[in-house]
């Protein structure tokens, strides 16, 4: 290969390398923008997910409180009814003689 052709080939190789570097540098901002856009999208999704989870937890806690309050009211009602039944039963047993009266003494005394 003649000396002139060799120098021309080296110059073309150098130009090709510089063009490659230029293309990489030219694409870098677009790549970085894509990374930032992805990060922002993930952050939005994270915030949305946290808000949804917090709302679900509040609804769940409110439902649990409502169930507990309902159970408490039911137990109070049953306890009152049980106490009322107990008073009626004792009043009835006080009028009974015989074995039932002995059973009452055994249980309550």
Protein backbone atom coordinates (compact mmCIF):
# COMPACT_ATOMS: atom_id res chain seq x y z
CA UNK A 1 0.00 0.00 0.00
CA UNK A 2 1.46 3.35 -0.99
CA UNK A 3 2.31 5.84 1.74
CA UNK A 4 -0.43 8.24 0.66
CA UNK A 5 -3.07 5.53 0.77
CA UNK A 6 -1.94 4.47 4.23
CA UNK A 7 -2.18 8.02 5.55
CA UNK A 8 -5.61 8.36 3.98
CA UNK A 9 -6.74 5.10 5.66
CA UNK A 10 -5.45 6.30 9.04
CA UNK A 11 -7.26 9.61 8.58
CA UNK A 12 -10.50 7.80 7.73
CA UNK A 13 -10.07 5.51 10.76
CA UNK A 14 -9.51 8.54 12.96
CA UNK A 15 -12.56 10.29 11.48
CA UNK A 16 -14.65 7.13 12.03
CA UNK A 17 -13.51 6.93 15.69
CA UNK A 18 -14.28 10.61 16.24
CA UNK A 19 -17.71 10.21 14.63
CA UNK A 20 -18.42 7.27 16.96
CA UNK A 21 -17.46 9.38 19.98
CA UNK A 22 -19.61 12.23 18.69
CA UNK A 23 -22.61 9.91 18.25
CA UNK A 24 -22.17 8.56 21.77
CA UNK A 25 -21.95 12.08 23.16
CA UNK A 26 -24.95 13.12 21.07
CA UNK A 27 -27.07 10.18 22.36
CA UNK A 28 -26.06 10.64 26.01
CA UNK A 29 -28.62 13.38 26.89
CA UNK A 30 -31.44 11.32 25.38
CA UNK A 31 -30.38 8.27 27.36
CA UNK A 32 -30.18 10.29 30.55
CA UNK A 33 -33.60 11.81 29.87
CA UNK A 34 -35.04 8.30 29.47
CA UNK A 35 -33.51 7.25 32.80
CA UNK A 36 -34.94 10.32 34.54
CA UNK A 37 -38.38 9.78 32.99
CA UNK A 38 -38.37 6.17 34.20
CA UNK A 39 -37.32 7.25 37.70
CA UNK A 40 -40.12 9.83 37.83
CA UNK A 41 -42.67 7.27 36.64
CA UNK A 42 -41.53 4.77 39.29
CA UNK A 43 -41.69 7.48 41.96
CA UNK A 44 -45.25 8.39 40.93
CA UNK A 45 -46.22 4.71 41.02
CA UNK A 46 -44.60 4.36 44.45
CA UNK A 47 -46.48 7.37 45.84
CA UNK A 48 -49.76 6.14 44.36
CA UNK A 49 -49.22 2.66 45.78
CA UNK A 50 -48.43 4.04 49.24
CA UNK A 51 -51.55 6.23 49.17
CA UNK A 52 -53.71 3.28 48.10
CA UNK A 53 -52.24 1.06 50.80
CA UNK A 54 -52.77 3.73 53.45
CA UNK A 55 -56.40 4.17 52.38
CA UNK A 56 -56.96 0.40 52.41
CA UNK A 57 -55.44 0.16 55.88
CA UNK A 58 -57.71 2.92 57.15
CA UNK A 59 -60.78 1.22 55.67
CA UNK A 60 -59.73 -2.10 57.16
CA UNK A 61 -59.18 -0.56 60.58
CA UNK A 62 -62.54 1.23 60.42
CA UNK A 63 -64.29 -2.01 59.47
CA UNK A 64 -62.58 -3.84 62.33
CA UNK A 65 -63.61 -1.10 64.79
CA UNK A 66 -67.20 -1.29 63.55
CA UNK A 67 -67.24 -5.08 64.00
CA UNK A 68 -65.81 -4.78 67.49
CA UNK A 69 -68.38 -2.14 68.43
CA UNK A 70 -71.16 -4.34 67.06
CA UNK A 71 -69.84 -7.33 69.00
CA UNK A 72 -69.61 -5.21 72.16
CA UNK A 73 -73.21 -4.06 71.76
CA UNK A 74 -74.33 -7.62 71.13
CA UNK A 75 -72.48 -8.89 74.20
CA UNK A 76 -73.94 -6.14 76.36
CA UNK A 77 -77.41 -6.97 75.09
CA UNK A 78 -76.90 -10.67 75.72
CA UNK A 79 -75.44 -10.01 79.17
CA UNK A 80 -78.43 -7.83 80.08
CA UNK A 81 -80.80 -10.48 78.73
CA UNK A 82 -78.90 -13.19 80.62
CA UNK A 83 -79.06 -11.15 83.84
CA UNK A 84 -82.77 -10.55 83.30
CA UNK A 85 -83.35 -14.28 82.68
CA UNK A 86 -81.33 -15.12 85.78
CA UNK A 87 -83.45 -12.83 87.95
CA UNK A 88 -86.67 -14.38 86.59
CA UNK A 89 -85.31 -17.88 87.11
CA UNK A 90 -84.27 -17.13 90.70
CA UNK A 91 -87.67 -15.59 91.40
CA UNK A 92 -89.33 -18.69 90.00
CA UNK A 93 -87.04 -21.03 91.95
CA UNK A 94 -87.80 -19.24 95.19
CA UNK A 95 -91.41 -20.35 94.76
CA UNK A 96 -90.43 -23.97 94.05
CA UNK A 97 -89.94 -26.56 96.74
CA UNK A 98 -88.39 -29.96 96.65
CA UNK A 99 -85.42 -31.02 94.51
CA UNK A 100 -85.31 -27.82 92.47
CA UNK A 101 -84.95 -25.77 95.64
CA UNK A 102 -82.06 -27.93 96.79
CA UNK A 103 -80.39 -27.56 93.39
CA UNK A 104 -80.71 -23.78 93.66
CA UNK A 105 -79.06 -23.81 97.09
CA UNK A 106 -76.28 -26.05 95.78
CA UNK A 107 -75.54 -23.83 92.76
CA UNK A 108 -75.87 -20.34 94.24
CA UNK A 109 -74.84 -20.77 97.86
